[in-house]
Protein backbone atom coordinates (compact mmCIF):
# COMPACT_ATOMS: atom_id res chain seq x y z
CA MET A 1 66.97 -39.71 -0.94
CA PRO A 2 65.79 -36.40 -2.45
CA VAL A 3 64.81 -33.59 -0.13
CA GLY A 4 61.03 -33.30 -0.33
CA ALA A 5 59.19 -30.00 -0.69
CA LEU A 6 58.14 -29.71 2.93
CA GLU A 7 61.62 -30.45 4.24
CA TYR A 8 63.22 -28.12 1.70
CA HIS A 9 60.84 -25.28 2.57
CA ASP A 10 61.42 -25.76 6.29
CA ARG A 11 65.22 -25.83 5.83
CA THR A 12 65.20 -22.57 3.87
CA LYS A 13 62.94 -20.50 6.11
CA HIS A 14 64.20 -17.15 7.31
CA SER A 15 63.97 -16.23 10.97
CA PRO A 16 65.51 -13.30 12.85
CA ARG A 17 68.06 -15.73 14.25
CA SER A 18 68.94 -17.42 10.94
CA VAL A 19 69.43 -14.07 9.22
CA ARG A 20 71.49 -12.74 12.12
CA GLU A 21 73.73 -15.81 12.23
CA GLY A 22 73.77 -16.72 8.55
CA GLY A 23 75.35 -13.64 7.04
CA ARG A 24 78.26 -14.26 4.72
CA GLY A 25 80.31 -12.02 2.54
CA LEU A 26 79.91 -12.13 -1.22
CA ASP A 27 82.90 -12.92 -3.39
CA PHE A 28 82.48 -10.42 -6.19
CA ASP A 29 85.54 -11.79 -7.98
CA ASN A 30 83.58 -15.03 -8.37
CA LYS A 31 80.20 -13.48 -9.22
CA PRO A 32 78.62 -15.44 -12.09
CA ARG A 33 77.79 -13.73 -15.35
CA PRO A 34 74.03 -13.21 -15.81
CA TYR A 35 73.98 -14.80 -19.28
CA LYS A 36 74.39 -18.23 -20.80
CA GLU A 37 76.96 -17.90 -23.58
CA TYR A 38 77.40 -20.73 -26.06
CA VAL A 39 80.93 -21.03 -27.44
CA ASP A 40 80.36 -22.06 -31.04
CA ARG A 41 76.67 -22.25 -31.84
CA PRO A 42 75.29 -20.46 -34.92
CA LYS A 43 72.89 -17.64 -34.23
CA ARG A 44 69.65 -16.57 -35.84
CA PRO A 45 69.38 -12.81 -35.51
CA LEU A 46 65.93 -11.54 -34.73
CA VAL A 47 64.51 -8.43 -36.34
CA ASP A 48 66.24 -5.06 -36.07
CA GLN A 49 63.14 -3.30 -34.85
CA ILE A 50 60.57 -4.49 -32.36
CA ARG A 51 56.90 -3.78 -32.87
CA PRO A 52 55.78 -2.87 -29.33
CA PRO A 53 52.47 -4.24 -28.03
CA GLN A 54 50.13 -1.27 -27.82
CA GLN A 55 47.33 -2.78 -25.72
CA PRO A 56 46.97 -1.08 -22.31
CA ALA A 57 48.83 -3.03 -19.64
CA LEU A 58 45.77 -3.21 -17.40
CA ALA A 59 43.84 -4.93 -20.18
CA ALA A 60 46.66 -7.31 -21.12
CA ILE A 61 47.14 -8.69 -17.61
CA ALA A 62 43.42 -9.31 -17.17
CA GLU A 63 42.97 -11.38 -20.34
CA SER A 64 42.78 -15.06 -21.19
CA THR A 65 42.34 -16.89 -17.95
CA PRO A 66 41.61 -20.63 -18.27
CA ASP A 67 37.88 -19.92 -18.04
CA GLY A 68 38.06 -18.15 -21.40
CA THR A 69 37.91 -19.86 -24.79
CA PRO A 70 41.16 -19.63 -26.77
CA ASN A 71 40.05 -18.42 -30.18
CA HIS A 72 43.01 -16.52 -31.55
CA HIS A 73 44.58 -17.91 -34.72
CA ARG A 74 47.07 -15.25 -35.74
CA GLN A 75 50.11 -16.57 -37.55
CA LEU A 76 53.36 -16.52 -35.62
CA ASP A 77 56.51 -15.18 -37.25
CA ARG A 78 60.01 -14.08 -36.31
CA GLU A 79 58.79 -10.61 -35.37
CA THR A 80 56.40 -12.17 -32.88
CA VAL A 81 59.21 -14.25 -31.39
CA VAL A 82 61.46 -11.25 -30.83
CA THR A 83 58.61 -9.25 -29.30
CA LEU A 84 57.82 -12.07 -26.88
CA CYS A 85 61.47 -12.65 -25.98
CA TYR A 86 62.37 -8.99 -25.59
CA TYR A 87 59.47 -7.96 -23.36
CA ALA A 88 59.77 -11.09 -21.21
CA ALA A 89 63.55 -11.37 -20.77
CA GLY A 90 65.29 -8.74 -22.86
CA ILE A 91 67.49 -5.86 -21.74
CA THR A 92 65.13 -2.92 -21.45
CA LYS A 93 67.11 -0.44 -19.38
CA ARG A 94 70.72 0.71 -19.01
CA ILE A 95 71.84 2.84 -16.09
CA ASP A 96 75.38 4.24 -15.87
CA ARG A 97 76.56 4.40 -12.27
CA ARG A 98 80.07 5.02 -10.97
CA GLY A 99 81.67 4.26 -14.28
CA ARG A 100 79.74 1.01 -14.78
CA SER A 101 76.77 0.25 -17.01
CA LEU A 102 74.04 -1.67 -15.21
CA LEU A 103 71.73 -3.60 -17.53
CA PHE A 104 68.22 -4.39 -16.36
CA ARG A 105 65.84 -6.92 -17.83
CA ALA A 106 62.15 -6.70 -18.61
CA ALA A 107 60.97 -8.65 -15.54
CA ALA A 108 61.90 -8.39 -11.88
CA THR A 109 64.29 -11.02 -10.53
CA THR A 110 65.88 -11.58 -7.12
CA GLY A 111 69.11 -9.69 -6.72
CA ALA A 112 69.12 -8.70 -10.43
CA LEU A 113 71.02 -11.95 -11.02
CA TYR A 114 68.87 -13.10 -13.97
CA HIS A 115 69.18 -16.85 -13.61
CA VAL A 116 66.08 -17.63 -15.72
CA ASP A 117 66.62 -18.43 -19.40
CA LEU A 118 64.09 -18.87 -22.19
CA TYR A 119 64.32 -21.54 -24.90
CA VAL A 120 62.19 -21.67 -28.04
CA VAL A 121 60.94 -24.90 -29.62
CA CYS A 122 59.06 -24.25 -32.85
CA GLY A 123 57.97 -25.55 -36.21
CA ASP A 124 58.62 -23.60 -39.39
CA LEU A 125 57.36 -20.05 -38.90
CA GLU A 126 56.37 -18.12 -42.01
CA GLY A 127 56.35 -14.37 -42.47
CA THR A 128 55.51 -12.27 -45.49
CA ASP A 129 57.77 -10.49 -47.94
CA GLY A 130 57.42 -6.94 -49.25
CA SER A 131 54.61 -7.99 -51.59
CA GLY A 132 52.71 -9.79 -48.86
CA SER A 133 53.57 -13.28 -50.09
CA PRO A 134 54.47 -16.01 -47.59
CA THR A 135 58.17 -16.53 -46.99
CA ALA A 136 60.26 -18.67 -44.64
CA ASP A 137 60.89 -16.60 -41.53
CA LEU A 138 62.30 -18.89 -38.83
CA GLU A 139 63.18 -22.51 -39.44
CA ALA A 140 61.89 -25.26 -37.19
CA GLY A 141 64.33 -25.85 -34.38
CA VAL A 142 65.32 -25.68 -30.74
CA TYR A 143 66.80 -22.31 -29.78
CA HIS A 144 68.15 -20.43 -26.77
CA PHE A 145 67.32 -16.73 -26.43
CA ASP A 146 70.40 -14.53 -25.96
CA PRO A 147 69.30 -11.17 -24.53
CA ARG A 148 72.74 -9.62 -25.08
CA THR A 149 72.51 -9.87 -28.87
CA LEU A 150 68.74 -10.19 -29.29
CA SER A 151 69.29 -13.41 -31.20
CA LEU A 152 68.60 -17.13 -30.96
CA ASP A 153 71.37 -19.70 -30.45
CA VAL A 154 70.65 -22.74 -32.64
CA LEU A 155 70.73 -25.88 -30.49
CA ARG A 156 68.94 -28.27 -32.85
CA ALA A 157 67.61 -27.99 -36.40
CA GLY A 158 64.26 -29.61 -37.11
CA ASP A 159 60.80 -29.83 -35.61
CA TYR A 160 60.97 -31.23 -32.06
CA ARG A 161 57.62 -29.98 -30.83
CA ASP A 162 56.43 -33.57 -30.54
CA VAL A 163 58.94 -34.09 -27.71
CA LEU A 164 57.26 -31.39 -25.63
CA ALA A 165 53.80 -32.60 -26.66
CA SER A 166 54.59 -36.15 -25.55
CA ALA A 167 56.36 -35.07 -22.38
CA SER A 168 53.42 -32.95 -21.28
CA ALA A 169 50.46 -34.87 -22.77
CA ASP A 170 48.91 -31.43 -23.03
CA GLU A 171 46.71 -30.49 -25.99
CA SER A 172 47.76 -26.84 -25.97
CA VAL A 173 51.41 -27.85 -26.38
CA ALA A 174 50.58 -30.28 -29.18
CA ASP A 175 48.58 -27.59 -31.00
CA ALA A 176 51.04 -24.70 -30.61
CA PRO A 177 53.35 -23.52 -33.42
CA LEU A 178 55.83 -22.46 -30.74
CA SER A 179 56.51 -23.19 -27.10
CA PHE A 180 58.86 -21.56 -24.63
CA VAL A 181 60.74 -23.50 -21.96
CA ALA A 182 61.84 -21.55 -18.89
CA THR A 183 64.89 -22.83 -16.98
CA SER A 184 66.95 -21.77 -13.98
CA THR A 185 70.73 -21.94 -13.77
CA TRP A 186 71.14 -22.50 -10.04
CA TRP A 187 74.61 -20.99 -9.49
CA ARG A 188 73.70 -17.65 -11.07
CA ASN A 189 71.31 -17.08 -8.15
CA ALA A 190 72.83 -19.30 -5.46
CA TRP A 191 76.03 -17.20 -5.52
CA LYS A 192 74.09 -14.81 -3.28
CA TYR A 193 71.10 -16.74 -1.99
CA GLY A 194 72.38 -20.28 -1.52
CA ASP A 195 69.79 -23.02 -1.13
CA ARG A 196 66.88 -20.55 -1.29
CA THR A 197 67.46 -20.42 -5.05
CA PHE A 198 64.92 -23.20 -5.63
CA ARG A 199 62.27 -20.83 -4.22
CA HIS A 200 63.63 -18.01 -6.35
CA ALA A 201 63.49 -20.18 -9.47
CA PHE A 202 59.71 -19.99 -9.32
CA TRP A 203 59.56 -16.43 -8.03
CA ASP A 204 61.65 -15.22 -10.94
CA SER A 205 60.30 -17.47 -13.67
CA GLY A 206 56.82 -16.41 -12.51
CA THR A 207 57.46 -12.70 -12.98
CA THR A 208 59.13 -13.43 -16.34
CA LEU A 209 56.22 -15.53 -17.54
CA ALA A 210 53.71 -12.92 -16.35
CA ASN A 211 55.32 -10.60 -18.88
CA LEU A 212 55.35 -13.31 -21.54
CA LEU A 213 51.66 -14.08 -21.06
CA ALA A 214 50.70 -10.41 -21.08
CA VAL A 215 52.58 -9.77 -24.33
CA ALA A 216 51.11 -12.88 -25.98
CA HIS A 217 47.61 -11.83 -24.98
CA ALA A 218 48.23 -8.26 -26.12
CA LEU A 219 49.22 -9.67 -29.53
CA ASP A 220 46.05 -11.81 -29.61
CA TYR A 221 47.66 -15.22 -29.09
CA CYS A 222 46.39 -17.76 -26.62
CA ALA A 223 49.06 -18.71 -24.11
CA ALA A 224 49.17 -20.65 -20.85
CA VAL A 225 51.71 -22.08 -18.42
CA VAL A 226 52.16 -25.86 -18.40
CA THR A 227 53.56 -27.12 -15.11
CA GLY A 228 53.05 -30.86 -15.65
CA PHE A 229 55.55 -32.60 -17.94
CA ALA A 230 58.11 -35.37 -17.91
CA ASP A 231 61.31 -33.59 -16.98
CA ARG A 232 63.99 -35.87 -18.46
CA PRO A 233 62.94 -35.58 -22.13
CA VAL A 234 62.94 -31.78 -21.82
CA VAL A 235 66.36 -31.88 -20.15
CA ASP A 236 67.72 -34.03 -22.96
CA LEU A 237 66.09 -31.98 -25.70
CA LEU A 238 67.77 -28.78 -24.47
CA GLY A 239 71.05 -30.48 -23.57
CA LEU A 240 70.90 -29.48 -19.90
CA GLU A 241 72.63 -30.82 -16.81
CA PRO A 242 69.97 -30.61 -14.05
CA GLU A 243 72.59 -30.30 -11.31
CA ARG A 244 73.42 -26.95 -12.93
CA GLU A 245 70.35 -25.90 -14.94
CA ALA A 246 66.89 -27.42 -15.03
CA PRO A 247 63.55 -26.85 -16.80
CA LEU A 248 60.75 -25.24 -14.81
CA GLU A 249 57.75 -24.53 -17.06
CA LEU A 250 56.49 -24.80 -20.64
CA VAL A 251 54.51 -22.00 -22.30
CA PRO A 252 52.77 -22.87 -25.58
CA ILE A 253 52.00 -19.84 -27.76
CA GLY A 254 49.28 -19.80 -30.40
CA THR A 255 47.17 -22.60 -31.80
CA GLY A 256 46.20 -24.38 -34.98
CA ASP A 257 49.45 -26.17 -35.91
CA SER A 258 49.15 -29.61 -34.36
CA VAL A 259 52.02 -32.07 -34.14
CA SER A 260 51.86 -35.81 -33.63
CA GLY A 261 53.38 -37.56 -30.68
CA SER A 262 51.20 -36.31 -27.84
CA GLY A 263 50.01 -39.82 -27.11
CA SER A 264 53.38 -41.50 -26.59
CA ASP A 265 56.29 -40.84 -24.31
CA PRO A 266 59.57 -39.77 -25.92
CA ASP A 267 62.76 -41.56 -25.09
CA SER A 268 66.19 -39.96 -25.06
CA ALA A 269 67.20 -42.49 -27.71
CA ASP A 270 64.69 -40.93 -30.10
CA PHE A 271 67.04 -38.00 -30.71
CA GLU A 272 70.76 -37.43 -30.57
CA PRO A 273 72.14 -36.04 -27.29
CA ILE A 274 73.69 -32.59 -27.34
CA ASP A 275 76.25 -31.06 -25.03
CA HIS A 276 77.14 -27.70 -26.54
CA ALA A 277 80.04 -25.90 -24.85
CA THR A 278 79.31 -22.71 -22.92
CA GLU A 279 81.52 -20.07 -21.36
CA PRO A 280 82.25 -20.58 -17.64
CA LEU A 281 79.86 -18.64 -15.43
CA SER A 282 82.59 -17.62 -13.00
CA PRO A 283 86.13 -18.73 -12.05
CA THR A 284 84.73 -21.27 -9.58
CA GLU A 285 81.21 -22.56 -9.97
CA LYS A 286 79.78 -24.02 -6.78
CA ARG A 287 77.19 -26.77 -6.54
CA PHE A 288 74.24 -26.83 -4.15
CA PRO A 289 72.99 -30.43 -3.81
CA THR A 290 69.90 -29.43 -1.82
CA ILE A 291 68.58 -27.39 -4.76
CA HIS A 292 68.95 -30.29 -7.18
CA GLU A 293 67.41 -32.70 -4.68
CA ALA A 294 64.39 -30.45 -4.20
CA TRP A 295 63.97 -30.20 -7.97
CA SER A 296 64.37 -33.97 -8.38
CA ALA A 297 61.74 -34.72 -5.73
CA GLY A 298 59.10 -33.06 -7.89
CA THR A 299 60.01 -34.57 -11.26
CA LEU A 300 57.57 -36.63 -13.33
CA GLU A 301 58.60 -39.73 -15.26
CA SER A 302 56.36 -39.65 -18.31
CA GLY A 303 53.65 -37.81 -20.21
CA ALA A 304 51.13 -40.28 -18.79
CA ALA A 305 52.31 -39.42 -15.27
CA ALA A 306 51.98 -35.71 -16.07
CA ASP A 307 48.45 -36.24 -17.39
CA SER A 308 47.50 -38.20 -14.29
CA TRP A 309 49.10 -35.63 -11.98
CA ARG A 310 47.22 -32.83 -13.71
CA PHE A 311 43.75 -34.36 -13.70
CA ASP A 312 43.61 -36.89 -10.87
CA ARG A 313 43.66 -34.25 -8.18
CA PRO A 314 41.00 -33.19 -5.69
CA ALA A 315 38.73 -30.35 -6.63
CA ALA A 316 40.20 -26.91 -6.08
CA PRO A 317 40.78 -24.93 -4.01
CA ILE A 318 43.77 -26.66 -2.43
CA GLY A 319 45.87 -24.90 0.19
CA THR A 320 43.44 -22.00 0.66
CA ARG A 321 40.95 -21.27 3.45
CA GLU A 322 37.22 -20.66 3.52
CA PRO A 323 36.15 -17.01 3.90
CA GLY A 324 35.70 -15.68 7.41
CA ASP A 325 33.00 -13.48 8.88
CA GLY A 326 34.97 -10.23 9.00
CA GLU A 327 33.60 -6.99 7.64
CA ARG A 328 33.68 -6.89 3.83
CA ILE A 329 34.83 -3.85 1.87
CA ALA A 330 34.04 -3.87 -1.84
CA LEU A 331 36.85 -2.89 -4.17
CA GLU A 332 36.23 0.13 -6.36
CA PRO A 333 38.17 -0.49 -9.58
CA VAL A 334 37.77 1.91 -12.47
CA ASP A 335 36.30 0.53 -15.67
CA GLY A 336 38.12 0.06 -18.93
CA GLU A 337 37.06 3.44 -20.24
CA THR A 338 38.65 5.42 -17.41
CA ALA A 339 41.52 3.11 -16.43
CA SER A 340 45.11 4.02 -17.18
CA SER A 341 45.76 3.53 -20.89
CA ARG A 342 49.54 3.23 -20.58
CA PRO A 343 50.54 0.68 -23.24
CA LEU A 344 52.04 -2.61 -22.15
CA HIS A 345 55.39 -1.92 -23.83
CA GLU A 346 55.80 1.40 -21.99
CA THR A 347 54.80 -0.23 -18.71
CA ILE A 348 57.38 -3.00 -19.07
CA ARG A 349 60.13 -0.55 -20.00
CA ARG A 350 59.18 1.71 -17.09
CA ARG A 351 58.92 -1.11 -14.57
CA GLY A 352 61.57 -1.23 -11.90
CA SER A 353 61.89 -2.44 -8.35
CA CYS A 354 61.20 0.53 -6.15
CA ARG A 355 64.13 1.27 -3.83
CA GLU A 356 62.50 3.99 -1.72
CA TYR A 357 58.89 4.80 -0.93
CA ALA A 358 57.55 8.16 0.15
CA ARG A 359 55.42 7.69 3.24
CA GLU A 360 52.35 8.91 1.40
CA SER A 361 48.96 7.29 0.95
CA ILE A 362 47.83 5.87 -2.36
CA SER A 363 44.35 5.94 -3.84
CA PHE A 364 41.92 3.18 -2.89
CA ARG A 365 40.66 3.34 -6.47
CA LYS A 366 44.14 2.59 -7.83
CA LEU A 367 44.75 -0.21 -5.33
CA SER A 368 41.36 -1.65 -6.26
CA THR A 369 42.12 -1.43 -9.98
CA VAL A 370 45.51 -3.13 -9.68
CA LEU A 371 44.04 -5.93 -7.56
CA ASP A 372 41.01 -6.33 -9.78
CA ARG A 373 43.08 -6.78 -12.94
CA ALA A 374 45.96 -8.79 -11.48
CA VAL A 375 44.24 -11.24 -9.15
CA ARG A 376 41.87 -12.86 -11.63
CA GLY A 377 43.67 -16.17 -11.93
CA VAL A 378 46.59 -17.15 -14.10
CA PRO A 379 46.29 -19.61 -17.01
CA MET A 380 47.94 -22.81 -15.76
CA ASP A 381 47.34 -26.39 -16.87
CA ILE A 382 46.70 -27.53 -13.29
CA ARG A 383 43.67 -25.25 -12.98
CA ARG A 384 40.24 -26.40 -14.13
CA GLN A 385 37.34 -24.52 -15.60
CA GLY A 386 35.21 -23.25 -12.75
CA ASP A 387 38.11 -23.03 -10.28
CA PRO A 388 38.28 -19.82 -8.22
CA PRO A 389 40.61 -17.08 -9.52
CA LEU A 390 43.34 -18.17 -7.11
CA SER A 391 43.25 -21.90 -6.46
CA PHE A 392 46.37 -22.52 -4.37
CA VAL A 393 47.23 -19.29 -2.52
CA ASP A 394 45.33 -16.65 -0.55
CA PRO A 395 46.29 -12.94 -0.59
CA TYR A 396 46.69 -11.27 2.82
CA LEU A 397 47.29 -7.53 3.07
CA VAL A 398 48.88 -5.16 5.55
CA VAL A 399 47.34 -1.80 4.72
CA ILE A 400 49.43 1.12 5.96
CA GLY A 401 48.44 4.12 3.84
CA VAL A 402 45.43 3.84 1.52
CA GLU A 403 43.01 6.76 1.27
CA GLY A 404 39.55 5.74 2.45
CA LEU A 405 40.66 2.35 3.78
CA GLU A 406 41.28 1.92 7.49
CA PRO A 407 44.82 0.76 8.31
CA GLY A 408 45.00 -2.86 9.39
CA THR A 409 45.16 -6.39 8.05
CA TYR A 410 42.89 -7.81 5.39
CA ARG A 411 42.31 -10.89 3.30
CA SER A 412 41.48 -10.44 -0.36
CA HIS A 413 38.62 -12.40 -1.90
CA PRO A 414 39.26 -12.12 -5.66
CA ALA A 415 36.10 -13.86 -6.82
CA ALA A 416 33.91 -11.47 -4.83
CA GLY A 417 36.01 -8.39 -5.50
CA GLU A 418 36.18 -7.67 -1.79
CA LEU A 419 38.59 -7.24 1.09
CA GLU A 420 37.76 -8.87 4.41
CA ARG A 421 38.93 -6.90 7.43
CA LEU A 422 40.85 -9.06 9.88
CA ARG A 423 42.31 -6.58 12.35
CA ALA A 424 42.34 -2.79 12.56
CA GLY A 425 45.47 -0.98 13.63
CA GLU A 426 48.63 0.85 12.64
CA PHE A 427 51.15 -1.83 11.69
CA ARG A 428 53.90 0.12 9.97
CA SER A 429 56.69 -1.06 12.24
CA GLU A 430 55.37 -4.63 12.18
CA ALA A 431 55.28 -4.55 8.37
CA GLY A 432 58.95 -3.62 8.31
CA HIS A 433 59.85 -6.34 10.79
CA LEU A 434 58.02 -9.08 8.87
CA ALA A 435 60.01 -8.24 5.73
CA LEU A 436 63.46 -8.97 7.18
CA ASP A 437 63.38 -5.61 9.01
CA GLN A 438 63.59 -3.77 5.69
CA ARG A 439 62.55 -0.14 5.70
CA LEU A 440 60.94 -0.52 2.27
CA ALA A 441 58.10 -2.58 3.70
CA ALA A 442 57.55 -0.11 6.54
CA ASP A 443 57.40 2.81 4.10
CA ALA A 444 55.10 1.07 1.58
CA ALA A 445 51.39 1.80 1.42
CA VAL A 446 50.45 -1.87 1.16
CA CYS A 447 52.25 -5.18 1.76
CA LEU A 448 50.57 -8.16 0.09
CA TYR A 449 51.48 -11.72 1.11
CA PHE A 450 50.42 -14.81 -0.81
CA MET A 451 49.85 -17.59 1.73
CA THR A 452 49.17 -21.32 1.33
CA ASP A 453 48.65 -24.49 3.33
CA LEU A 454 51.76 -26.23 2.06
CA GLU A 455 50.98 -29.56 3.70
CA ALA A 456 47.62 -29.68 1.93
CA ILE A 457 49.29 -28.76 -1.38
CA VAL A 458 51.89 -31.52 -1.11
CA ASP A 459 49.32 -34.04 0.13
CA ALA A 460 47.13 -33.38 -2.93
CA LEU A 461 49.74 -32.69 -5.62
CA GLY A 462 52.94 -34.26 -4.34
CA ASP A 463 56.27 -32.47 -4.27
CA ARG A 464 55.55 -30.91 -7.66
CA GLY A 465 52.65 -29.08 -6.00
CA TYR A 466 55.25 -26.90 -4.28
CA ARG A 467 56.15 -25.48 -7.68
CA VAL A 468 52.49 -24.77 -8.40
CA ALA A 469 51.90 -22.79 -5.21
CA GLN A 470 55.09 -20.77 -5.66
CA LEU A 471 54.23 -20.16 -9.31
CA GLU A 472 50.62 -19.07 -8.83
CA ALA A 473 51.88 -16.54 -6.28
CA SER A 474 54.70 -15.22 -8.44
CA LEU A 475 52.70 -15.07 -11.68
CA THR A 476 50.07 -13.05 -9.85
CA ALA A 477 52.80 -10.86 -8.34
CA GLY A 478 54.19 -10.34 -11.84
CA ARG A 479 50.79 -9.05 -12.90
CA LEU A 480 50.73 -6.83 -9.83
CA TYR A 481 54.05 -5.35 -11.00
CA LEU A 482 52.57 -4.54 -14.40
CA GLY A 483 49.34 -3.20 -12.92
CA THR A 484 51.30 -1.01 -10.53
CA TYR A 485 53.62 0.47 -13.15
CA ALA A 486 50.71 1.13 -15.47
CA HIS A 487 50.06 4.04 -13.06
CA ARG A 488 52.49 6.93 -13.24
CA ASP A 489 52.56 7.63 -9.50
CA LEU A 490 52.86 4.05 -8.18
CA GLY A 491 55.85 1.80 -7.63
CA GLY A 492 56.30 -1.69 -6.29
CA THR A 493 58.81 -4.37 -5.41
CA GLY A 494 59.00 -7.88 -4.05
CA LEU A 495 60.75 -8.50 -0.74
CA THR A 496 61.84 -11.43 1.42
CA PHE A 497 60.34 -12.22 4.82
CA TYR A 498 60.57 -14.10 8.10
CA ASP A 499 58.37 -17.08 7.22
CA ASP A 500 56.94 -18.14 10.56
CA VAL A 501 56.76 -14.60 11.89
CA VAL A 502 54.43 -13.74 9.00
CA THR A 503 52.23 -16.74 9.83
CA ASP A 504 52.04 -15.71 13.48
CA PHE A 505 51.25 -12.11 12.54
CA PHE A 506 48.19 -13.10 10.50
CA ALA A 507 47.03 -15.70 13.07
CA PRO A 508 44.55 -17.01 13.92
CA ARG A 509 43.21 -16.81 10.36
CA ALA A 510 46.54 -17.86 8.82
CA THR A 511 47.47 -20.50 11.38
CA GLY A 512 48.99 -23.40 9.46
CA LEU A 513 49.64 -21.29 6.36
CA THR A 514 53.04 -20.21 5.08
CA PRO A 515 53.94 -17.21 2.90
CA MET A 516 55.00 -17.86 -0.70
CA PHE A 517 55.64 -14.31 -1.98
CA LEU A 518 55.60 -10.73 -0.70
CA TYR A 519 54.79 -7.80 -2.97
CA THR A 520 54.81 -4.21 -1.74
CA MET A 521 53.25 -1.15 -3.35
CA GLY A 522 53.39 2.55 -2.66
CA ARG A 523 54.31 5.97 -3.94
CA PRO A 524 57.95 6.15 -5.04
CA ALA A 525 60.09 8.71 -3.26
């Protein structure tokens, strides 16, 4: 019997006792490599130079929510593919330390273990030659992005977009020239984090896809995250073994190149199975049955089931709470004319995970601007037109050092552009305790928790709803990362927390809610 979402979440909660008693040493001789390496697959090199997206980061992260009308019809080519891949999951930074080169990727990921991979499923993509005439640029196929070589491993030749269209029963997938599939290889993260890796799969794919969406929007392509799809056809298409690596989300890019097949469910017999050899991840790869069981509990059997799951749900919001009667403080974001103009590509390359904050206050204007741009709602298939910006999670803040804003706890109301004061007080030490007693949280200017009523989520959306709540939180946190690093004097990082202690801290307003993600922001030391 698979472990359901509620049981899985309860089993993997952190408490002061579980952290104190659960410590284990890490076997660095058995640390898995952070890449998937195919043994004998041909590669399609991407372009030598990347055309960086010049749109300001603060504009890119605020664009193309589901309430907007997708109207971009730019032609996709190989240059677009490399730009999307590189700024979502490529190696953007190298730091030499103690005789070793540390390679960092474009998006934040737990423990810098990089267990999220991107696959590309596309039709024929055409570019232009030196005279401007159309020319074949990337053949239709199923590919795996290799960040080490900035190339695509060829897994299948031919146009298989209809498999994704049928599996998802989603019009945006059927109409897209290209779709990404994000996966997680469990052992690459579980080496350090054990069974909590299923949480991290959505934390880390969320921050990766936040980058991917921002780059797509900066390049004027419509893009959205599809969470509802039949899992087995996608597994078979990519040649995965779900006990080791499983699909998490689909992201269609662009429009205007429809494929047939969106009305029928694919069967594995419709295409040949593949099982391409890969290099071992480590000398001894360990299995974590609880992770696979939690993933299995949320799987969907068919495109029809995905369509039903997506649309036969109660009206949003689900898992959030009605506003309270606390004092409201209006955010004061700067407008587009005076906001930071740091381009998206510079922001992504600059982004890090802050390792030390100076205990200095940050500007209320900058906090307001980051929140205003980042917490507008992420484009996901499960959301409907007219839904509030955040449909499945509520942001709660611990404000420690923000100029012009009284220290205390707050709840953010994105639709109104306001903060609701819950409790005044100096909570620096409490902020550190909530975050696994980490000094970073105590030194930050703001700690922002995304909270949800998990029982309500699972009751309305089943076990797959757990993915949705985690993903809405992490996609929004990924946008917070980009909004933060668009400002020269701000830094941020995600941290882990004592689940029930956080709930108790924000009680009574958050009674019955559980934290999904913690993002901290401040002035880097």
